[in-house]
Amino acid sequence: MRIAITGSTGLIGSALSRSLLADKHEVVRLVRREPATPDEVRWDPERGYVDTAGLFGVDAVVHLAGAGIGDHRWTAAYKKTLRDSRVLGTAAIAEAAACLDTPPGVLVCGSAIGIYGDTGDRRVDERTPPGDGFLAGLCQEWEDAAAPAEEAGIRTAFARTGLVVAREGGAWGRLFPLFKAGLGGRLGDGRQYWSFIALHDEIAALRHIIDTPELSGPVNLTAPEPLTNRDVTAAMGRVLHRPTLASVPAPALRLALGEFSQDVLGSQRVVPRRLLDSGFSYAFPEIDGAIRAALSVGQ
């Protein structure tokens, strides 16, 4: 297959590219600068520009680009950056795909389980409506921006990703050094649910969506059983053979992270109903295996 990817240098995009290339698929990378290699195509999400000639013959588009949620404090300016990078980028990709003479068979848009808001102890799946808060509203706008592709008849799926367990990049990439140094511990009271997924399973799930014609609309990319932050903390200590006596009180998190602390301390007990119903098989469904996989070579 010929597959176009935005965000191909990020944690998920780079791993997906490696996986596809290893299986002899052709990867087309959308870049914001002038293309330097034949497999690169220029786009400018803020201006709504995509060099559609470079997408000729593309079978699938995987759209993963977006500014990092936890990279900066959520000032008004950075909230705008988060929104524009997702909403404008998605609109540009969806419109470009829709206008191709031969559109791709599928558009997989990155999204996040943040769309459900704080769910507490309640288990939620793809049938659950969006919740409240900045992230929930942002995710809703993000997904809505793909409407041009859906209206053009392109199968469009929204990969609502949880916390990806990876050694480098993402939230977990920041946790590993702390836990390895013996400084890891629970966040707040540790009772909030974390819906995690191993990087290996995240990539496999994205490829499963591409290959499964009945999957469109929202698809949760999380492990089958979410765990509390307290349970995740214990697992990190167990696998890394380090103490986990430290803890970060909620007031300290609020002081350090500002509004973003609401999501760090919030609880999201999200289950992947549609992945399971479609026959997807997890390589690392449990947290210990996901952590070990992240520590292994190539993760």
C-alpha atoms as a PDB file:
ATOM      1  CA  MET A   1       0.000   0.000   0.000  1.00  0.00           C
ATOM      2  CA  ARG A   2       0.939   3.648  -0.415  1.00  0.00           C
ATOM      3  CA  ILE A   3       0.229   5.452   2.862  1.00  0.00           C
ATOM      4  CA  ALA A   4       0.595   9.161   3.615  1.00  0.00           C
ATOM      5  CA  ILE A   5       1.410  10.207   7.185  1.00  0.00           C
ATOM      6  CA  THR A   6       1.417  13.592   8.904  1.00  0.00           C
ATOM      7  CA  GLY A   7       3.376  13.865  12.142  1.00  0.00           C
ATOM      8  CA  SER A   8       5.782  11.201  10.883  1.00  0.00           C
ATOM      9  CA  THR A   9       8.627  12.436  13.110  1.00  0.00           C
ATOM     10  CA  GLY A  10       6.625  12.145  16.335  1.00  0.00           C
ATOM     11  CA  LEU A  11       6.550   9.210  18.737  1.00  0.00           C
ATOM     12  CA  ILE A  12       3.656   7.394  17.055  1.00  0.00           C
ATOM     13  CA  GLY A  13       4.269   8.581  13.505  1.00  0.00           C
ATOM     14  CA  SER A  14       7.900   7.487  13.422  1.00  0.00           C
ATOM     15  CA  ALA A  15       7.057   4.067  14.873  1.00  0.00           C
ATOM     16  CA  LEU A  16       4.205   3.628  12.390  1.00  0.00           C
ATOM     17  CA  SER A  17       6.480   4.582   9.492  1.00  0.00           C
ATOM     18  CA  ARG A  18       9.089   2.021  10.564  1.00  0.00           C
ATOM     19  CA  SER A  19       6.459  -0.678  10.880  1.00  0.00           C
ATOM     20  CA  LEU A  20       4.971  -0.007   7.441  1.00  0.00           C
ATOM     21  CA  LEU A  21       8.344   0.215   5.714  1.00  0.00           C
ATOM     22  CA  ALA A  22       9.452  -3.037   7.342  1.00  0.00           C
ATOM     23  CA  ASP A  23       6.499  -4.715   5.626  1.00  0.00           C
ATOM     24  CA  LYS A  24       7.409  -3.174   2.253  1.00  0.00           C
ATOM     25  CA  HIS A  25       4.639  -0.563   2.162  1.00  0.00           C
ATOM     26  CA  GLU A  26       5.383   2.848   0.677  1.00  0.00           C
ATOM     27  CA  VAL A  27       5.264   5.763   3.116  1.00  0.00           C
ATOM     28  CA  VAL A  28       4.682   9.344   2.009  1.00  0.00           C
ATOM     29  CA  ARG A  29       5.635  11.887   4.679  1.00  0.00           C
ATOM     30  CA  LEU A  30       3.932  15.270   4.769  1.00  0.00           C
ATOM     31  CA  VAL A  31       6.416  17.943   5.868  1.00  0.00           C
ATOM     32  CA  ARG A  32       6.104  21.684   6.511  1.00  0.00           C
ATOM     33  CA  ARG A  33       9.405  22.576   4.795  1.00  0.00           C
ATOM     34  CA  GLU A  34      10.553  22.082   1.251  1.00  0.00           C
ATOM     35  CA  PRO A  35      10.729  18.329   0.509  1.00  0.00           C
ATOM     36  CA  ALA A  36      14.246  16.938   0.663  1.00  0.00           C
ATOM     37  CA  THR A  37      13.575  13.387  -0.513  1.00  0.00           C
ATOM     38  CA  PRO A  38      11.174  11.772  -3.015  1.00  0.00           C
ATOM     39  CA  ASP A  39       9.004  10.368  -0.211  1.00  0.00           C
ATOM     40  CA  GLU A  40       8.216  13.832   1.199  1.00  0.00           C
ATOM     41  CA  VAL A  41       5.264  16.073   0.286  1.00  0.00           C
ATOM     42  CA  ARG A  42       4.859  19.723   1.272  1.00  0.00           C
ATOM     43  CA  TRP A  43       1.949  20.921   3.370  1.00  0.00           C
ATOM     44  CA  ASP A  44       1.158  24.008   5.446  1.00  0.00           C
ATOM     45  CA  PRO A  45      -1.669  23.233   7.876  1.00  0.00           C
ATOM     46  CA  GLU A  46      -2.088  26.819   9.088  1.00  0.00           C
ATOM     47  CA  ARG A  47      -2.612  28.034   5.512  1.00  0.00           C
ATOM     48  CA  GLY A  48      -4.698  25.014   4.568  1.00  0.00           C
ATOM     49  CA  TYR A  49      -2.251  24.039   1.834  1.00  0.00           C
ATOM     50  CA  VAL A  50      -1.415  20.477   0.763  1.00  0.00           C
ATOM     51  CA  ASP A  51       0.531  19.549  -2.375  1.00  0.00           C
ATOM     52  CA  THR A  52      -2.142  17.140  -3.587  1.00  0.00           C
ATOM     53  CA  ALA A  53      -0.027  16.037  -6.559  1.00  0.00           C
ATOM     54  CA  GLY A  54       2.205  14.234  -4.077  1.00  0.00           C
ATOM     55  CA  LEU A  55      -0.768  12.256  -2.778  1.00  0.00           C
ATOM     56  CA  PHE A  56      -1.515  10.627  -6.136  1.00  0.00           C
ATOM     57  CA  GLY A  57      -2.214   6.930  -5.711  1.00  0.00           C
ATOM     58  CA  VAL A  58      -2.373   7.057  -1.919  1.00  0.00           C
ATOM     59  CA  ASP A  59      -4.426   4.195  -0.455  1.00  0.00           C
ATOM     60  CA  ALA A  60      -4.653   5.588   3.085  1.00  0.00           C
ATOM     61  CA  VAL A  61      -3.877   8.766   5.006  1.00  0.00           C
ATOM     62  CA  VAL A  62      -2.917   8.709   8.685  1.00  0.00           C
ATOM     63  CA  HIS A  63      -3.098  12.163  10.226  1.00  0.00           C
ATOM     64  CA  LEU A  64      -1.143  12.408  13.496  1.00  0.00           C
ATOM     65  CA  ALA A  65       0.254  15.954  13.504  1.00  0.00           C
ATOM     66  CA  GLY A  66      -0.425  18.318  16.399  1.00  0.00           C
ATOM     67  CA  ALA A  67       1.356  20.379  19.060  1.00  0.00           C
ATOM     68  CA  GLY A  68       2.179  18.516  22.283  1.00  0.00           C
ATOM     69  CA  ILE A  69      -0.587  18.707  24.886  1.00  0.00           C
ATOM     70  CA  GLY A  70       1.796  18.753  27.850  1.00  0.00           C
ATOM     71  CA  ASP A  71       4.701  20.623  26.276  1.00  0.00           C
ATOM     72  CA  HIS A  72       3.813  24.033  27.762  1.00  0.00           C
ATOM     73  CA  ARG A  73       1.513  25.628  30.311  1.00  0.00           C
ATOM     74  CA  TRP A  74      -1.932  26.234  28.910  1.00  0.00           C
ATOM     75  CA  THR A  75      -1.780  29.962  28.387  1.00  0.00           C
ATOM     76  CA  ALA A  76      -4.356  31.518  26.075  1.00  0.00           C
ATOM     77  CA  ALA A  77      -1.691  31.646  23.350  1.00  0.00           C
ATOM     78  CA  TYR A  78      -0.740  27.970  23.734  1.00  0.00           C
ATOM     79  CA  LYS A  79      -4.371  26.876  23.780  1.00  0.00           C
ATOM     80  CA  LYS A  80      -4.703  28.581  20.416  1.00  0.00           C
ATOM     81  CA  THR A  81      -1.598  26.731  19.204  1.00  0.00           C
ATOM     82  CA  LEU A  82      -3.065  23.409  20.355  1.00  0.00           C
ATOM     83  CA  ARG A  83      -6.362  24.129  18.638  1.00  0.00           C
ATOM     84  CA  ASP A  84      -4.929  25.481  15.377  1.00  0.00           C
ATOM     85  CA  SER A  85      -2.420  22.652  15.006  1.00  0.00           C
ATOM     86  CA  ARG A  86      -5.224  20.099  15.233  1.00  0.00           C
ATOM     87  CA  VAL A  87      -8.317  21.734  13.784  1.00  0.00           C
ATOM     88  CA  LEU A  88      -6.664  23.573  10.895  1.00  0.00           C
ATOM     89  CA  GLY A  89      -4.390  20.634  10.109  1.00  0.00           C
ATOM     90  CA  THR A  90      -7.270  18.155  10.072  1.00  0.00           C
ATOM     91  CA  ALA A  91      -9.384  20.422   7.880  1.00  0.00           C
ATOM     92  CA  ALA A  92      -6.498  20.805   5.417  1.00  0.00           C
ATOM     93  CA  ILE A  93      -5.910  17.046   5.196  1.00  0.00           C
ATOM     94  CA  ALA A  94      -9.614  16.195   4.947  1.00  0.00           C
ATOM     95  CA  GLU A  95     -10.212  18.747   2.182  1.00  0.00           C
ATOM     96  CA  ALA A  96      -7.120  17.617   0.268  1.00  0.00           C
ATOM     97  CA  ALA A  97      -8.180  13.965   0.455  1.00  0.00           C
ATOM     98  CA  ALA A  98     -11.709  14.842  -0.628  1.00  0.00           C
ATOM     99  CA  CYS A  99     -10.581  16.725  -3.728  1.00  0.00           C
ATOM    100  CA  LEU A 100      -8.337  13.983  -5.133  1.00  0.00           C
ATOM    101  CA  ASP A 101      -9.546  12.434  -8.392  1.00  0.00           C
ATOM    102  CA  THR A 102      -9.077   9.040  -6.742  1.00  0.00           C
ATOM    103  CA  PRO A 103      -9.526   9.582  -2.986  1.00  0.00           C
ATOM    104  CA  PRO A 104      -7.816   7.310  -0.451  1.00  0.00           C
ATOM    105  CA  GLY A 105      -9.837   4.399   0.856  1.00  0.00           C
ATOM    106  CA  VAL A 106      -9.463   5.537   4.457  1.00  0.00           C
ATOM    107  CA  LEU A 107      -8.469   8.563   6.520  1.00  0.00           C
ATOM    108  CA  VAL A 108      -7.330   7.747  10.059  1.00  0.00           C
ATOM    109  CA  CYS A 109      -7.310  10.907  12.165  1.00  0.00           C
ATOM    110  CA  GLY A 110      -5.499  11.050  15.449  1.00  0.00           C
ATOM    111  CA  SER A 111      -7.656  11.988  18.411  1.00  0.00           C
ATOM    112  CA  ALA A 112      -7.511  11.384  22.161  1.00  0.00           C
ATOM    113  CA  ILE A 113      -9.483   9.883  25.013  1.00  0.00           C
ATOM    114  CA  GLY A 114      -9.496  13.402  26.447  1.00  0.00           C
ATOM    115  CA  ILE A 115     -12.748  13.776  24.526  1.00  0.00           C
ATOM    116  CA  TYR A 116     -14.562  11.944  27.352  1.00  0.00           C
ATOM    117  CA  GLY A 117     -13.481  14.377  30.058  1.00  0.00           C
ATOM    118  CA  ASP A 118     -13.136  13.158  33.654  1.00  0.00           C
ATOM    119  CA  THR A 119     -15.073   9.875  33.847  1.00  0.00           C
ATOM    120  CA  GLY A 120     -14.236   8.989  37.445  1.00  0.00           C
ATOM    121  CA  ASP A 121     -14.758   5.272  38.122  1.00  0.00           C
ATOM    122  CA  ARG A 122     -17.244   4.917  35.257  1.00  0.00           C
ATOM    123  CA  ARG A 123     -16.180   2.692  32.355  1.00  0.00           C
ATOM    124  CA  VAL A 124     -16.759   4.456  29.026  1.00  0.00           C
ATOM    125  CA  ASP A 125     -16.486   3.380  25.407  1.00  0.00           C
ATOM    126  CA  GLU A 126     -17.054   4.845  21.950  1.00  0.00           C
ATOM    127  CA  ARG A 127     -20.803   5.192  22.588  1.00  0.00           C
ATOM    128  CA  THR A 128     -20.148   7.688  25.402  1.00  0.00           C
ATOM    129  CA  PRO A 129     -20.752  11.349  24.437  1.00  0.00           C
ATOM    130  CA  PRO A 130     -18.008  13.993  24.823  1.00  0.00           C
ATOM    131  CA  GLY A 131     -17.348  15.297  28.311  1.00  0.00           C
ATOM    132  CA  ASP A 132     -16.542  18.752  29.650  1.00  0.00           C
ATOM    133  CA  GLY A 133     -13.364  20.798  29.781  1.00  0.00           C
ATOM    134  CA  PHE A 134     -10.835  22.270  27.393  1.00  0.00           C
ATOM    135  CA  LEU A 135      -9.451  18.967  26.098  1.00  0.00           C
ATOM    136  CA  ALA A 136     -12.889  17.472  25.533  1.00  0.00           C
ATOM    137  CA  GLY A 137     -13.942  20.502  23.523  1.00  0.00           C
ATOM    138  CA  LEU A 138     -10.679  20.539  21.590  1.00  0.00           C
ATOM    139  CA  CYS A 139     -11.017  16.848  20.657  1.00  0.00           C
ATOM    140  CA  GLN A 140     -14.580  17.410  19.492  1.00  0.00           C
ATOM    141  CA  GLU A 141     -13.498  20.280  17.208  1.00  0.00           C
ATOM    142  CA  TRP A 142     -10.564  18.186  16.038  1.00  0.00           C
ATOM    143  CA  GLU A 143     -12.796  15.340  14.918  1.00  0.00           C
ATOM    144  CA  ASP A 144     -15.453  17.648  13.454  1.00  0.00           C
ATOM    145  CA  ALA A 145     -12.803  19.183  11.183  1.00  0.00           C
ATOM    146  CA  ALA A 146     -12.608  15.908   9.228  1.00  0.00           C
ATOM    147  CA  ALA A 147     -16.152  16.414   7.891  1.00  0.00           C
ATOM    148  CA  PRO A 148     -15.042  17.148   4.267  1.00  0.00           C
ATOM    149  CA  ALA A 149     -13.553  13.656   3.989  1.00  0.00           C
ATOM    150  CA  GLU A 150     -16.622  11.985   5.472  1.00  0.00           C
ATOM    151  CA  GLU A 151     -18.909  13.965   3.177  1.00  0.00           C
ATOM    152  CA  ALA A 152     -16.816  12.842   0.191  1.00  0.00           C
ATOM    153  CA  GLY A 153     -17.498   9.219   1.112  1.00  0.00           C
ATOM    154  CA  ILE A 154     -14.018   8.480   2.479  1.00  0.00           C
ATOM    155  CA  ARG A 155     -14.059   6.009   5.371  1.00  0.00           C
ATOM    156  CA  THR A 156     -12.912   8.166   8.270  1.00  0.00           C
ATOM    157  CA  ALA A 157     -11.826   6.802  11.644  1.00  0.00           C
ATOM    158  CA  PHE A 158     -10.802   8.701  14.766  1.00  0.00           C
ATOM    159  CA  ALA A 159      -8.051   6.974  16.740  1.00  0.00           C
ATOM    160  CA  ARG A 160      -8.780   8.113  20.293  1.00  0.00           C
ATOM    161  CA  THR A 161      -5.439   7.280  21.862  1.00  0.00           C
ATOM    162  CA  GLY A 162      -4.773   6.847  25.567  1.00  0.00           C
ATOM    163  CA  LEU A 163      -1.437   7.132  27.396  1.00  0.00           C
ATOM    164  CA  VAL A 164       1.184   5.449  25.213  1.00  0.00           C
ATOM    165  CA  VAL A 165       3.735   3.415  27.166  1.00  0.00           C
ATOM    166  CA  ALA A 166       7.015   4.252  25.439  1.00  0.00           C
ATOM    167  CA  ARG A 167      10.557   4.813  26.618  1.00  0.00           C
ATOM    168  CA  GLU A 168      11.038   8.010  24.643  1.00  0.00           C
ATOM    169  CA  GLY A 169       8.451  10.635  23.881  1.00  0.00           C
ATOM    170  CA  GLY A 170       4.993  11.276  25.257  1.00  0.00           C
ATOM    171  CA  ALA A 171       4.013  11.396  28.909  1.00  0.00           C
ATOM    172  CA  TRP A 172       5.572   8.015  29.713  1.00  0.00           C
ATOM    173  CA  GLY A 173       8.903   9.121  28.316  1.00  0.00           C
ATOM    174  CA  ARG A 174       9.040  11.643  31.157  1.00  0.00           C
ATOM    175  CA  LEU A 175       8.139   9.056  33.784  1.00  0.00           C
ATOM    176  CA  PHE A 176      10.840   6.489  33.033  1.00  0.00           C
ATOM    177  CA  PRO A 177      13.846   8.624  34.103  1.00  0.00           C
ATOM    178  CA  LEU A 178      12.140   9.532  37.387  1.00  0.00           C
ATOM    179  CA  PHE A 179      11.259   5.954  38.227  1.00  0.00           C
ATOM    180  CA  LYS A 180      14.683   4.657  37.203  1.00  0.00           C
ATOM    181  CA  ALA A 181      16.209   7.180  39.620  1.00  0.00           C
ATOM    182  CA  GLY A 182      13.950   5.945  42.412  1.00  0.00           C
ATOM    183  CA  LEU A 183      11.994   9.212  42.410  1.00  0.00           C
ATOM    184  CA  GLY A 184       8.774   7.880  40.942  1.00  0.00           C
ATOM    185  CA  GLY A 185       5.507   7.818  42.798  1.00  0.00           C
ATOM    186  CA  ARG A 186       1.795   8.381  42.564  1.00  0.00           C
ATOM    187  CA  LEU A 187       0.293  11.648  41.352  1.00  0.00           C
ATOM    188  CA  GLY A 188      -2.244  13.138  43.719  1.00  0.00           C
ATOM    189  CA  ASP A 189      -4.107  10.419  45.612  1.00  0.00           C
ATOM    190  CA  GLY A 190      -3.353   7.918  42.822  1.00  0.00           C
ATOM    191  CA  ARG A 191      -6.970   6.786  42.522  1.00  0.00           C
ATOM    192  CA  GLN A 192      -7.497   8.304  39.071  1.00  0.00           C
ATOM    193  CA  TYR A 193      -7.722   5.814  36.208  1.00  0.00           C
ATOM    194  CA  TRP A 194      -5.077   5.784  33.473  1.00  0.00           C
ATOM    195  CA  SER A 195      -6.077   4.238  30.155  1.00  0.00           C
ATOM    196  CA  PHE A 196      -2.735   3.090  28.754  1.00  0.00           C
ATOM    197  CA  ILE A 197      -1.588   1.289  25.620  1.00  0.00           C
ATOM    198  CA  ALA A 198       1.794  -0.182  24.669  1.00  0.00           C
ATOM    199  CA  LEU A 199       3.447   1.556  21.731  1.00  0.00           C
ATOM    200  CA  HIS A 200       3.567  -1.791  19.887  1.00  0.00           C
ATOM    201  CA  ASP A 201      -0.213  -2.182  20.270  1.00  0.00           C
ATOM    202  CA  GLU A 202      -0.847   1.446  19.305  1.00  0.00           C
ATOM    203  CA  ILE A 203       0.890   0.881  15.974  1.00  0.00           C
ATOM    204  CA  ALA A 204      -0.799  -2.475  15.450  1.00  0.00           C
ATOM    205  CA  ALA A 205      -4.173  -0.875  16.187  1.00  0.00           C
ATOM    206  CA  LEU A 206      -3.626   1.914  13.660  1.00  0.00           C
ATOM    207  CA  ARG A 207      -2.744  -0.671  11.024  1.00  0.00           C
ATOM    208  CA  HIS A 208      -5.780  -2.724  12.054  1.00  0.00           C
ATOM    209  CA  ILE A 209      -8.014   0.300  11.453  1.00  0.00           C
ATOM    210  CA  ILE A 210      -6.492   0.802   8.000  1.00  0.00           C
ATOM    211  CA  ASP A 211      -7.083  -2.853   7.131  1.00  0.00           C
ATOM    212  CA  THR A 212     -10.590  -3.245   8.619  1.00  0.00           C
ATOM    213  CA  PRO A 213     -13.302  -1.812   6.350  1.00  0.00           C
ATOM    214  CA  GLU A 214     -16.017  -1.833   9.017  1.00  0.00           C
ATOM    215  CA  LEU A 215     -14.076   0.483  11.334  1.00  0.00           C
ATOM    216  CA  SER A 216     -15.080   4.118  10.932  1.00  0.00           C
ATOM    217  CA  GLY A 217     -15.915   6.850  13.410  1.00  0.00           C
ATOM    218  CA  PRO A 218     -14.409   6.770  16.918  1.00  0.00           C
ATOM    219  CA  VAL A 219     -12.098   3.908  17.905  1.00  0.00           C
ATOM    220  CA  ASN A 220     -10.516   3.886  21.374  1.00  0.00           C
ATOM    221  CA  LEU A 221      -6.848   2.919  21.331  1.00  0.00           C
ATOM    222  CA  THR A 222      -6.307   1.753  24.908  1.00  0.00           C
ATOM    223  CA  ALA A 223      -5.494  -1.528  26.641  1.00  0.00           C
ATOM    224  CA  PRO A 224      -8.518  -3.659  27.594  1.00  0.00           C
ATOM    225  CA  GLU A 225      -8.339  -2.853  31.324  1.00  0.00           C
ATOM    226  CA  PRO A 226      -7.413   0.649  32.552  1.00  0.00           C
ATOM    227  CA  LEU A 227      -5.573   0.873  35.874  1.00  0.00           C
ATOM    228  CA  THR A 228      -5.384   3.488  38.591  1.00  0.00           C
ATOM    229  CA  ASN A 229      -2.331   5.704  38.832  1.00  0.00           C
ATOM    230  CA  ARG A 230      -1.541   3.910  42.089  1.00  0.00           C
ATOM    231  CA  ASP A 231      -1.516   0.534  40.264  1.00  0.00           C
ATOM    232  CA  VAL A 232       0.613   1.921  37.430  1.00  0.00           C
ATOM    233  CA  THR A 233       3.065   3.329  39.976  1.00  0.00           C
ATOM    234  CA  ALA A 234       3.364  -0.070  41.648  1.00  0.00           C
ATOM    235  CA  ALA A 235       3.934  -1.756  38.278  1.00  0.00           C
ATOM    236  CA  MET A 236       6.696   0.702  37.347  1.00  0.00           C
ATOM    237  CA  GLY A 237       8.459  -0.001  40.626  1.00  0.00           C
ATOM    238  CA  ARG A 238       7.983  -3.740  40.218  1.00  0.00           C
ATOM    239  CA  VAL A 239       9.374  -3.904  36.665  1.00  0.00           C
ATOM    240  CA  LEU A 240      12.204  -1.425  37.241  1.00  0.00           C
ATOM    241  CA  HIS A 241      13.062  -2.782  40.725  1.00  0.00           C
ATOM    242  CA  ARG A 242      12.923   0.687  42.245  1.00  0.00           C
ATOM    243  CA  PRO A 243      11.134   2.129  45.265  1.00  0.00           C
ATOM    244  CA  THR A 244       7.998   4.172  44.590  1.00  0.00           C
ATOM    245  CA  LEU A 245       7.673   5.990  47.898  1.00  0.00           C
ATOM    246  CA  ALA A 246       7.612   9.476  46.405  1.00  0.00           C
ATOM    247  CA  SER A 247       4.342  11.190  45.606  1.00  0.00           C
ATOM    248  CA  VAL A 248       3.369  14.533  44.120  1.00  0.00           C
ATOM    249  CA  PRO A 249       0.534  16.201  46.043  1.00  0.00           C
ATOM    250  CA  ALA A 250      -2.324  17.618  43.996  1.00  0.00           C
ATOM    251  CA  PRO A 251      -1.625  21.256  45.040  1.00  0.00           C
ATOM    252  CA  ALA A 252       1.979  20.950  43.820  1.00  0.00           C
ATOM    253  CA  LEU A 253       0.812  19.603  40.464  1.00  0.00           C
ATOM    254  CA  ARG A 254      -1.653  22.464  40.116  1.00  0.00           C
ATOM    255  CA  LEU A 255       1.104  24.954  40.871  1.00  0.00           C
ATOM    256  CA  ALA A 256       3.534  23.352  38.409  1.00  0.00           C
ATOM    257  CA  LEU A 257       1.167  22.545  35.552  1.00  0.00           C
ATOM    258  CA  GLY A 258      -1.642  25.063  35.860  1.00  0.00           C
ATOM    259  CA  GLU A 259      -4.854  24.067  34.061  1.00  0.00           C
ATOM    260  CA  PHE A 260      -3.235  20.952  32.561  1.00  0.00           C
ATOM    261  CA  SER A 261      -3.103  19.480  36.090  1.00  0.00           C
ATOM    262  CA  GLN A 262      -6.876  18.925  35.888  1.00  0.00           C
ATOM    263  CA  ASP A 263      -6.259  16.282  33.225  1.00  0.00           C
ATOM    264  CA  VAL A 264      -3.252  14.755  34.998  1.00  0.00           C
ATOM    265  CA  LEU A 265      -5.329  14.358  38.161  1.00  0.00           C
ATOM    266  CA  GLY A 266      -8.520  13.518  36.290  1.00  0.00           C
ATOM    267  CA  SER A 267      -9.727   9.954  35.839  1.00  0.00           C
ATOM    268  CA  GLN A 268     -10.419   8.301  32.490  1.00  0.00           C
ATOM    269  CA  ARG A 269     -11.548   4.689  32.578  1.00  0.00           C
ATOM    270  CA  VAL A 270     -11.774   4.137  28.827  1.00  0.00           C
ATOM    271  CA  VAL A 271     -12.212   0.713  27.243  1.00  0.00           C
ATOM    272  CA  PRO A 272     -11.598  -0.237  23.560  1.00  0.00           C
ATOM    273  CA  ARG A 273     -14.962  -1.828  22.737  1.00  0.00           C
ATOM    274  CA  ARG A 274     -14.725  -1.416  18.967  1.00  0.00           C
ATOM    275  CA  LEU A 275     -11.164  -2.756  18.687  1.00  0.00           C
ATOM    276  CA  LEU A 276     -12.101  -5.847  20.679  1.00  0.00           C
ATOM    277  CA  ASP A 277     -15.347  -6.381  18.778  1.00  0.00           C
ATOM    278  CA  SER A 278     -13.453  -6.201  15.466  1.00  0.00           C
ATOM    279  CA  GLY A 279     -11.090  -9.001  16.487  1.00  0.00           C
ATOM    280  CA  PHE A 280      -8.000  -6.978  17.389  1.00  0.00           C
ATOM    281  CA  SER A 281      -5.464  -8.951  19.441  1.00  0.00           C
ATOM    282  CA  TYR A 282      -3.177  -7.209  21.932  1.00  0.00           C
ATOM    283  CA  ALA A 283       0.452  -8.208  22.278  1.00  0.00           C
ATOM    284  CA  PHE A 284       0.767  -6.409  25.647  1.00  0.00           C
ATOM    285  CA  PRO A 285      -2.663  -6.103  27.255  1.00  0.00           C
ATOM    286  CA  GLU A 286      -1.284  -5.831  30.800  1.00  0.00           C
ATOM    287  CA  ILE A 287       0.803  -3.027  32.250  1.00  0.00           C
ATOM    288  CA  ASP A 288       3.870  -5.065  33.247  1.00  0.00           C
ATOM    289  CA  GLY A 289       4.263  -6.388  29.708  1.00  0.00           C
ATOM    290  CA  ALA A 290       3.716  -2.925  28.232  1.00  0.00           C
ATOM    291  CA  ILE A 291       6.454  -1.475  30.449  1.00  0.00           C
ATOM    292  CA  ARG A 292       8.881  -4.293  29.599  1.00  0.00           C
ATOM    293  CA  ALA A 293       8.142  -3.829  25.906  1.00  0.00           C
ATOM    294  CA  ALA A 294       8.955  -0.138  26.183  1.00  0.00           C
ATOM    295  CA  LEU A 295      12.305  -0.969  27.765  1.00  0.00           C
ATOM    296  CA  SER A 296      13.251  -3.507  25.086  1.00  0.00           C
ATOM    297  CA  VAL A 297      15.411  -2.758  22.066  1.00  0.00           C
ATOM    298  CA  GLY A 298      13.604  -0.889  19.311  1.00  0.00           C
ATOM    299  CA  GLN A 299      10.797   0.485  21.472  1.00  0.00           C
END
